[in-house]
C-alpha atoms as a PDB file:
ATOM      1  CA  UNK A   1       8.198   1.410  20.714  1.00  0.00           C
ATOM      2  CA  UNK A   2      10.281   3.627  18.459  1.00  0.00           C
ATOM      3  CA  UNK A   3      10.909   2.368  14.941  1.00  0.00           C
ATOM      4  CA  UNK A   4      14.016   3.870  13.390  1.00  0.00           C
ATOM      5  CA  UNK A   5      14.892   1.571  10.467  1.00  0.00           C
ATOM      6  CA  UNK A   6      13.489  -1.086   8.173  1.00  0.00           C
ATOM      7  CA  UNK A   7      14.810  -3.930  10.320  1.00  0.00           C
ATOM      8  CA  UNK A   8      12.776  -2.664  13.308  1.00  0.00           C
ATOM      9  CA  UNK A   9       9.854  -1.907  11.009  1.00  0.00           C
ATOM     10  CA  UNK A  10       9.805  -5.425   9.529  1.00  0.00           C
ATOM     11  CA  UNK A  11      10.249  -7.012  12.965  1.00  0.00           C
ATOM     12  CA  UNK A  12       7.277  -5.072  14.353  1.00  0.00           C
ATOM     13  CA  UNK A  13       5.138  -5.984  11.356  1.00  0.00           C
ATOM     14  CA  UNK A  14       6.027  -9.675  11.605  1.00  0.00           C
ATOM     15  CA  UNK A  15       4.569  -9.803  15.133  1.00  0.00           C
ATOM     16  CA  UNK A  16       1.119  -8.748  13.885  1.00  0.00           C
ATOM     17  CA  UNK A  17      -1.664 -11.164  12.997  1.00  0.00           C
ATOM     18  CA  UNK A  18      -2.758 -11.482   9.368  1.00  0.00           C
ATOM     19  CA  UNK A  19      -5.865  -9.377   9.975  1.00  0.00           C
ATOM     20  CA  UNK A  20      -3.913  -6.605  11.656  1.00  0.00           C
ATOM     21  CA  UNK A  21      -1.267  -6.727   8.934  1.00  0.00           C
ATOM     22  CA  UNK A  22      -4.045  -6.256   6.369  1.00  0.00           C
ATOM     23  CA  UNK A  23      -5.385  -3.256   8.266  1.00  0.00           C
ATOM     24  CA  UNK A  24      -1.960  -1.661   8.764  1.00  0.00           C
ATOM     25  CA  UNK A  25      -1.070  -2.336   5.126  1.00  0.00           C
ATOM     26  CA  UNK A  26      -4.279  -0.564   4.134  1.00  0.00           C
ATOM     27  CA  UNK A  27      -3.121   2.487   6.067  1.00  0.00           C
ATOM     28  CA  UNK A  28       0.159   2.446   4.132  1.00  0.00           C
ATOM     29  CA  UNK A  29      -1.756   2.190   0.848  1.00  0.00           C
ATOM     30  CA  UNK A  30      -4.141   4.926   1.958  1.00  0.00           C
ATOM     31  CA  UNK A  31      -1.188   7.240   2.610  1.00  0.00           C
ATOM     32  CA  UNK A  32      -0.469   7.313  -1.149  1.00  0.00           C
ATOM     33  CA  UNK A  33      -4.052   7.023  -2.404  1.00  0.00           C
ATOM     34  CA  UNK A  34      -3.960  10.596  -3.740  1.00  0.00           C
ATOM     35  CA  UNK A  35      -1.555   9.310  -6.427  1.00  0.00           C
ATOM     36  CA  UNK A  36      -4.257   7.045  -7.903  1.00  0.00           C
ATOM     37  CA  UNK A  37      -7.587   8.058  -9.393  1.00  0.00           C
ATOM     38  CA  UNK A  38      -9.132   4.583  -9.560  1.00  0.00           C
ATOM     39  CA  UNK A  39     -12.198   4.220  -7.345  1.00  0.00           C
ATOM     40  CA  UNK A  40     -11.684   0.439  -7.279  1.00  0.00           C
ATOM     41  CA  UNK A  41      -8.390   0.987  -5.461  1.00  0.00           C
ATOM     42  CA  UNK A  42     -10.027   3.334  -2.954  1.00  0.00           C
ATOM     43  CA  UNK A  43     -12.804   0.807  -2.313  1.00  0.00           C
ATOM     44  CA  UNK A  44     -10.296  -2.034  -1.913  1.00  0.00           C
ATOM     45  CA  UNK A  45      -8.330  -0.038   0.645  1.00  0.00           C
ATOM     46  CA  UNK A  46     -11.510   0.792   2.571  1.00  0.00           C
ATOM     47  CA  UNK A  47     -12.435  -2.900   2.581  1.00  0.00           C
ATOM     48  CA  UNK A  48      -8.952  -3.916   3.760  1.00  0.00           C
ATOM     49  CA  UNK A  49      -9.168  -1.495   6.705  1.00  0.00           C
ATOM     50  CA  UNK A  50     -12.305  -3.138   8.071  1.00  0.00           C
ATOM     51  CA  UNK A  51     -11.955  -5.574  10.949  1.00  0.00           C
ATOM     52  CA  UNK A  52     -15.447  -6.974  10.489  1.00  0.00           C
ATOM     53  CA  UNK A  53     -15.161  -7.900   6.807  1.00  0.00           C
ATOM     54  CA  UNK A  54     -16.062 -11.421   5.682  1.00  0.00           C
ATOM     55  CA  UNK A  55     -14.088 -13.708   3.405  1.00  0.00           C
ATOM     56  CA  UNK A  56     -16.503 -13.186   0.484  1.00  0.00           C
ATOM     57  CA  UNK A  57     -16.165  -9.404   0.690  1.00  0.00           C
ATOM     58  CA  UNK A  58     -12.386  -9.734   0.903  1.00  0.00           C
ATOM     59  CA  UNK A  59     -12.393 -11.911  -2.209  1.00  0.00           C
ATOM     60  CA  UNK A  60     -14.472  -9.346  -4.122  1.00  0.00           C
ATOM     61  CA  UNK A  61     -12.188  -6.518  -2.988  1.00  0.00           C
ATOM     62  CA  UNK A  62      -9.136  -8.582  -3.985  1.00  0.00           C
ATOM     63  CA  UNK A  63     -10.515  -9.194  -7.485  1.00  0.00           C
ATOM     64  CA  UNK A  64     -11.354  -5.516  -7.888  1.00  0.00           C
ATOM     65  CA  UNK A  65      -7.876  -4.441  -6.773  1.00  0.00           C
ATOM     66  CA  UNK A  66      -6.291  -7.031  -9.055  1.00  0.00           C
ATOM     67  CA  UNK A  67      -8.250  -5.754 -12.050  1.00  0.00           C
ATOM     68  CA  UNK A  68      -7.268  -2.166 -11.211  1.00  0.00           C
ATOM     69  CA  UNK A  69      -3.630  -3.250 -10.919  1.00  0.00           C
ATOM     70  CA  UNK A  70      -3.704  -4.987 -14.309  1.00  0.00           C
ATOM     71  CA  UNK A  71      -5.454  -2.028 -15.941  1.00  0.00           C
ATOM     72  CA  UNK A  72      -2.956   0.439 -14.469  1.00  0.00           C
ATOM     73  CA  UNK A  73      -0.032  -1.737 -15.562  1.00  0.00           C
ATOM     74  CA  UNK A  74      -1.124  -1.527 -19.192  1.00  0.00           C
ATOM     75  CA  UNK A  75      -1.315   2.277 -18.890  1.00  0.00           C
ATOM     76  CA  UNK A  76       2.241   2.429 -17.519  1.00  0.00           C
ATOM     77  CA  UNK A  77       3.797   0.903 -20.589  1.00  0.00           C
ATOM     78  CA  UNK A  78       2.656   3.614 -22.989  1.00  0.00           C
ATOM     79  CA  UNK A  79       5.500   6.100 -22.710  1.00  0.00           C
ATOM     80  CA  UNK A  80       7.054   5.624 -19.283  1.00  0.00           C
ATOM     81  CA  UNK A  81       4.600   7.973 -17.624  1.00  0.00           C
ATOM     82  CA  UNK A  82       5.815   8.117 -14.034  1.00  0.00           C
ATOM     83  CA  UNK A  83       2.461   9.426 -12.770  1.00  0.00           C
ATOM     84  CA  UNK A  84       0.747   6.348 -14.207  1.00  0.00           C
ATOM     85  CA  UNK A  85       3.475   4.217 -12.670  1.00  0.00           C
ATOM     86  CA  UNK A  86       2.742   5.804  -9.279  1.00  0.00           C
ATOM     87  CA  UNK A  87      -0.942   4.937  -9.675  1.00  0.00           C
ATOM     88  CA  UNK A  88      -0.014   1.369 -10.543  1.00  0.00           C
ATOM     89  CA  UNK A  89       2.063   1.021  -7.373  1.00  0.00           C
ATOM     90  CA  UNK A  90      -0.855   2.340  -5.295  1.00  0.00           C
ATOM     91  CA  UNK A  91      -3.032  -0.367  -6.853  1.00  0.00           C
ATOM     92  CA  UNK A  92      -0.309  -2.908  -6.046  1.00  0.00           C
ATOM     93  CA  UNK A  93      -0.239  -1.687  -2.431  1.00  0.00           C
ATOM     94  CA  UNK A  94      -4.009  -2.178  -2.160  1.00  0.00           C
ATOM     95  CA  UNK A  95      -3.696  -5.609  -3.729  1.00  0.00           C
ATOM     96  CA  UNK A  96      -0.923  -6.583  -1.309  1.00  0.00           C
ATOM     97  CA  UNK A  97      -3.217  -5.880   1.646  1.00  0.00           C
ATOM     98  CA  UNK A  98      -5.802  -8.299   0.334  1.00  0.00           C
ATOM     99  CA  UNK A  99      -3.589 -10.998  -1.116  1.00  0.00           C
ATOM    100  CA  UNK A 100      -2.875 -13.933   1.143  1.00  0.00           C
ATOM    101  CA  UNK A 101       0.840 -13.906   1.792  1.00  0.00           C
ATOM    102  CA  UNK A 102       3.516 -13.948   4.410  1.00  0.00           C
ATOM    103  CA  UNK A 103       3.670 -10.204   5.025  1.00  0.00           C
ATOM    104  CA  UNK A 104       0.872  -8.139   3.469  1.00  0.00           C
ATOM    105  CA  UNK A 105       1.776  -5.023   5.482  1.00  0.00           C
ATOM    106  CA  UNK A 106       5.434  -5.144   4.406  1.00  0.00           C
ATOM    107  CA  UNK A 107       4.462  -5.697   0.764  1.00  0.00           C
ATOM    108  CA  UNK A 108       1.952  -2.838   0.889  1.00  0.00           C
ATOM    109  CA  UNK A 109       4.583  -0.582   2.463  1.00  0.00           C
ATOM    110  CA  UNK A 110       7.123  -1.351  -0.271  1.00  0.00           C
ATOM    111  CA  UNK A 111       4.587  -0.667  -3.037  1.00  0.00           C
ATOM    112  CA  UNK A 112       3.576   2.580  -1.328  1.00  0.00           C
ATOM    113  CA  UNK A 113       7.226   3.624  -1.271  1.00  0.00           C
ATOM    114  CA  UNK A 114       7.541   2.833  -4.975  1.00  0.00           C
ATOM    115  CA  UNK A 115       4.424   4.922  -5.667  1.00  0.00           C
ATOM    116  CA  UNK A 116       5.927   7.878  -3.846  1.00  0.00           C
ATOM    117  CA  UNK A 117       9.278   7.376  -5.621  1.00  0.00           C
ATOM    118  CA  UNK A 118       7.560   7.270  -9.022  1.00  0.00           C
ATOM    119  CA  UNK A 119       5.707  10.487  -8.251  1.00  0.00           C
ATOM    120  CA  UNK A 120       8.917  12.194  -7.157  1.00  0.00           C
ATOM    121  CA  UNK A 121      10.576  11.166 -10.425  1.00  0.00           C
ATOM    122  CA  UNK A 122       7.605  12.545 -12.353  1.00  0.00           C
ATOM    123  CA  UNK A 123       7.894  15.881 -10.594  1.00  0.00           C
ATOM    124  CA  UNK A 124      11.687  15.927 -10.750  1.00  0.00           C
ATOM    125  CA  UNK A 125      12.015  16.419  -6.998  1.00  0.00           C
ATOM    126  CA  UNK A 126      13.912  13.245  -6.184  1.00  0.00           C
ATOM    127  CA  UNK A 127      13.515  11.202  -3.032  1.00  0.00           C
ATOM    128  CA  UNK A 128      14.682  11.632   0.515  1.00  0.00           C
ATOM    129  CA  UNK A 129      13.241   8.417   1.986  1.00  0.00           C
ATOM    130  CA  UNK A 130      10.542  10.416   3.753  1.00  0.00           C
ATOM    131  CA  UNK A 131       8.017   7.680   2.955  1.00  0.00           C
ATOM    132  CA  UNK A 132       9.909   5.213   5.178  1.00  0.00           C
ATOM    133  CA  UNK A 133       9.775   7.542   8.173  1.00  0.00           C
ATOM    134  CA  UNK A 134       6.098   8.265   7.541  1.00  0.00           C
ATOM    135  CA  UNK A 135       5.360   4.530   7.515  1.00  0.00           C
ATOM    136  CA  UNK A 136       7.252   4.052  10.779  1.00  0.00           C
ATOM    137  CA  UNK A 137       5.022   6.715  12.373  1.00  0.00           C
ATOM    138  CA  UNK A 138       1.845   5.083  10.962  1.00  0.00           C
ATOM    139  CA  UNK A 139       2.818   1.765  12.524  1.00  0.00           C
ATOM    140  CA  UNK A 140       3.847   3.342  15.839  1.00  0.00           C
ATOM    141  CA  UNK A 141       0.503   5.147  16.004  1.00  0.00           C
ATOM    142  CA  UNK A 142      -1.401   1.942  15.226  1.00  0.00           C
ATOM    143  CA  UNK A 143       0.501  -0.007  17.853  1.00  0.00           C
ATOM    144  CA  UNK A 144      -0.185   2.692  20.445  1.00  0.00           C
ATOM    145  CA  UNK A 145      -3.969   2.535  19.886  1.00  0.00           C
END
């Protein structure tokens, strides 16, 4: 299955179970993890990727990711530091994977895109929507496994 646009991407994601959405969303978050230095976010993403994780462990990972997200949000407001903003969106992507909702993978993907966009603003490069295409390939690879 080739995914060429967000409509196809969202349609493919919506067919996945909640557990698989969590795992795919974790892969999207992991793809931008280098933009965040918070070990709580890394641990939350690792927890979200696991298929054998229990509800208690998920709840602990969720709380950890939420705390990291709140902490990173307060850092963002200092002086519009786009690097900090990127880190915040990575934390939000990790949180989206673990938060019960209608589309955790989609939410994680959108936060990952915002992280990449924030980083590109910080570096002055601009964006070319490369993150969307990269996410399409991540999902295609997962579906092919």
